[in-house]
Structures are given as C-alpha cells and as structure tokens.
C-alpha cells in the first residue's frame, strides 16, 4: 500500500506546477524564469506572474508614451496570454481555503493595469482600437475570475 501511495504521488507531482515550457520565451525575463523554476508552490508562482505582468504593463505604457505603436498589439497579446495561463495554473493548483496574499496583490495589480491601459487606449491609432478592446475584455474576464477565486471559492 505504501508503495502504491508513493507511486501515485510521484505520478501526480509533475501535474502540480505550471510547465514553464508552455510559456513563450519572451514572457519571462531571466530572473523571473529562474524564480519560476525554483517556485515550490502556486503562491510563489503567483508572485512571478505578478512581476511579469507589471513589467509587461510598464513596457506597454512606455511604448504608448513614446508612440511606438508597432509593438503594442504583440505586447497586449503577450500580457493577456500571461494572465490566461496564470489563471489556469491558479485554478488547477490553488487548494487552500485561505487565499494567499500574493493572489490578492496580483488581482489588484491586474485591475490597476486594466485601468491604465484603458486610459492609454485613446492615444492608440484607430486601427489598433479593436485589439485594445478585445485584450482589455479578456483581461477583465480573467481578473473577475481571480475575484471569484478569492471570494466565492
């Protein structure tokens, strides 16, 4: 029986964490990638997601401020991809009744990022308004799901 339990644990262990190879190479900087690989639980990975999301958001704001709109659509898609993948990881691996402070901070950061991106959207060219709208709508859906996890689960 003990061998069966250990074998089951060994098989389930890889399923516990998000696979870093499922993320594009440019989503994490080397320091974030190292932290992600060392993360032992979902709470530590949430901190990495938070840092990466903030960094991507700052890059987006800088590009819009400099009126470098060529990079904006890809940056928006990358940000939404990060949010979506982090949500999948959080939903599948967060088991505790008490929600980690890292998730609360991450939701706050995402909410503020959405608001800042909405305010910067007016500077974008007309042909990029649709990508802003779709990415912001997707980001808001993910953020609402974070809130549900925090308060309704």
Protein backbone atom coordinates (compact mmCIF):
# COMPACT_ATOMS: atom_id res chain seq x y z
CA UNK A 1 0.00 0.00 0.00
CA UNK A 2 2.82 2.39 0.87
CA UNK A 3 4.49 1.75 -2.48
CA UNK A 4 1.21 2.47 -4.27
CA UNK A 5 0.86 5.79 -2.42
CA UNK A 6 4.44 6.80 -3.22
CA UNK A 7 3.98 5.81 -6.85
CA UNK A 8 0.75 7.84 -7.07
CA UNK A 9 2.49 10.82 -5.51
CA UNK A 10 5.40 10.54 -7.95
CA UNK A 11 3.00 10.47 -10.91
CA UNK A 12 0.98 13.44 -9.64
CA UNK A 13 3.99 15.61 -8.78
CA UNK A 14 4.59 16.92 -12.33
CA UNK A 15 0.93 17.92 -12.54
CA UNK A 16 1.21 20.22 -9.53
CA UNK A 17 3.10 23.04 -11.19
CA UNK A 18 2.76 25.00 -14.35
CA UNK A 19 5.17 23.96 -17.04
CA UNK A 20 7.48 26.82 -17.96
CA UNK A 21 7.84 25.40 -21.46
CA UNK A 22 4.17 26.23 -22.08
CA UNK A 23 5.07 29.92 -21.95
CA UNK A 24 6.65 31.79 -24.86
CA UNK A 25 10.36 32.54 -24.43
CA UNK A 26 9.80 36.28 -24.18
CA UNK A 27 7.19 36.22 -21.44
CA UNK A 28 9.67 35.99 -18.55
CA UNK A 29 13.00 37.77 -18.17
CA UNK A 30 15.84 35.51 -16.94
CA UNK A 31 15.40 36.44 -13.26
CA UNK A 32 11.65 35.72 -13.41
CA UNK A 33 12.30 32.45 -15.23
CA UNK A 34 14.75 31.40 -12.51
CA UNK A 35 12.24 32.28 -9.78
CA UNK A 36 9.51 30.41 -11.64
CA UNK A 37 11.65 27.29 -11.96
CA UNK A 38 12.53 27.42 -8.23
CA UNK A 39 8.91 28.02 -7.15
CA UNK A 40 7.72 25.22 -4.91
CA UNK A 41 4.05 26.17 -4.85
CA UNK A 42 1.42 28.18 -6.65
CA UNK A 43 1.78 31.14 -4.29
CA UNK A 44 5.40 31.61 -5.31
CA UNK A 45 4.45 31.30 -8.99
CA UNK A 46 1.75 33.96 -8.49
CA UNK A 47 4.46 36.37 -7.33
CA UNK A 48 6.36 35.68 -10.57
CA UNK A 49 3.18 36.21 -12.62
CA UNK A 50 2.62 39.49 -10.78
CA UNK A 51 6.15 40.69 -11.50
CA UNK A 52 5.96 39.68 -15.17
CA UNK A 53 2.55 41.31 -15.61
CA UNK A 54 3.79 44.55 -14.06
CA UNK A 55 6.89 44.54 -16.25
CA UNK A 56 4.86 43.90 -19.41
CA UNK A 57 2.45 46.67 -18.42
CA UNK A 58 5.29 49.14 -17.86
CA UNK A 59 6.69 48.24 -21.29
CA UNK A 60 3.28 48.79 -22.85
CA UNK A 61 2.94 52.18 -21.18
CA UNK A 62 6.43 53.18 -22.31
CA UNK A 63 5.71 52.16 -25.91
CA UNK A 64 2.46 54.15 -25.96
CA UNK A 65 4.13 57.18 -24.37
CA UNK A 66 6.89 57.05 -27.00
CA UNK A 67 4.24 56.50 -29.67
CA UNK A 68 5.93 53.24 -30.71
CA UNK A 69 2.68 51.56 -31.68
CA UNK A 70 4.25 48.75 -33.71
CA UNK A 71 4.98 46.73 -30.58
CA UNK A 72 1.71 47.45 -28.80
CA UNK A 73 -0.51 44.69 -30.28
CA UNK A 74 2.04 41.96 -29.56
CA UNK A 75 2.62 43.31 -26.05
CA UNK A 76 -1.12 43.33 -25.35
CA UNK A 77 -1.46 39.75 -26.60
CA UNK A 78 1.53 38.65 -24.53
CA UNK A 79 0.05 40.24 -21.41
CA UNK A 80 -3.33 38.57 -21.93
CA UNK A 81 -1.61 35.25 -22.61
CA UNK A 82 0.25 35.56 -19.30
CA UNK A 83 -2.97 36.37 -17.45
CA UNK A 84 -4.79 33.44 -19.03
CA UNK A 85 -2.03 30.91 -18.34
CA UNK A 86 -1.62 32.15 -14.78
CA UNK A 87 -5.37 31.74 -14.24
CA UNK A 88 -5.17 28.14 -15.47
CA UNK A 89 -2.30 27.46 -13.05
CA UNK A 90 -4.09 29.12 -10.14
CA UNK A 91 -7.38 27.32 -10.78
CA UNK A 92 -5.76 23.92 -11.02
CA UNK A 93 -3.29 24.25 -8.15
CA UNK A 94 -4.75 26.58 -5.51
CA UNK A 95 -6.36 24.30 -2.96
CA UNK A 96 -6.23 26.22 0.30
CA UNK A 97 -9.35 27.65 1.87
CA UNK A 98 -7.37 30.71 2.91
CA UNK A 99 -6.37 32.57 -0.22
CA UNK A 100 -2.76 33.68 -0.48
CA UNK A 101 -1.92 37.35 -0.15
CA UNK A 102 0.01 37.04 -3.41
CA UNK A 103 -3.23 36.41 -5.30
CA UNK A 104 -4.85 39.45 -3.71
CA UNK A 105 -1.87 41.60 -4.73
CA UNK A 106 -1.89 40.12 -8.23
CA UNK A 107 -5.60 40.90 -8.70
CA UNK A 108 -5.02 44.47 -7.55
CA UNK A 109 -2.09 44.88 -9.95
CA UNK A 110 -4.15 43.49 -12.85
CA UNK A 111 -7.10 45.77 -12.02
CA UNK A 112 -4.84 48.83 -11.99
CA UNK A 113 -3.16 47.70 -15.21
CA UNK A 114 -6.51 47.36 -16.94
CA UNK A 115 -7.50 50.87 -15.84
CA UNK A 116 -4.18 52.37 -17.02
CA UNK A 117 -4.41 50.56 -20.35
CA UNK A 118 -7.96 51.81 -20.86
CA UNK A 119 -6.80 55.37 -20.21
CA UNK A 120 -3.89 54.98 -22.66
CA UNK A 121 -6.08 53.42 -25.34
CA UNK A 122 -7.18 56.84 -26.61
CA UNK A 123 -3.62 57.55 -27.74
CA UNK A 124 -3.51 54.46 -29.95
CA UNK A 125 -4.21 54.63 -33.68
CA UNK A 126 -7.71 53.81 -34.87
CA UNK A 127 -6.59 50.53 -36.45
CA UNK A 128 -5.42 49.28 -33.02
CA UNK A 129 -8.59 50.11 -31.10
CA UNK A 130 -10.08 46.66 -31.74
CA UNK A 131 -7.03 44.84 -30.34
CA UNK A 132 -7.16 47.08 -27.26
CA UNK A 133 -10.86 46.35 -26.81
CA UNK A 134 -10.50 42.58 -27.20
CA UNK A 135 -7.43 42.32 -24.97
CA UNK A 136 -8.95 44.52 -22.28
CA UNK A 137 -12.17 42.49 -22.35
CA UNK A 138 -10.21 39.25 -21.98
CA UNK A 139 -8.06 40.72 -19.19
CA UNK A 140 -11.20 41.83 -17.36
CA UNK A 141 -12.70 38.32 -17.64
CA UNK A 142 -9.55 36.85 -16.13
CA UNK A 143 -9.50 39.47 -13.37
CA UNK A 144 -13.12 38.74 -12.49
CA UNK A 145 -12.24 35.07 -12.25
CA UNK A 146 -9.44 35.96 -9.79
CA UNK A 147 -12.02 37.79 -7.68
CA UNK A 148 -14.32 34.76 -7.79
CA UNK A 149 -11.47 32.54 -6.64
CA UNK A 150 -10.69 34.94 -3.81
CA UNK A 151 -14.20 35.46 -2.51
CA UNK A 152 -16.51 32.74 -3.79
CA UNK A 153 -14.44 29.62 -3.64
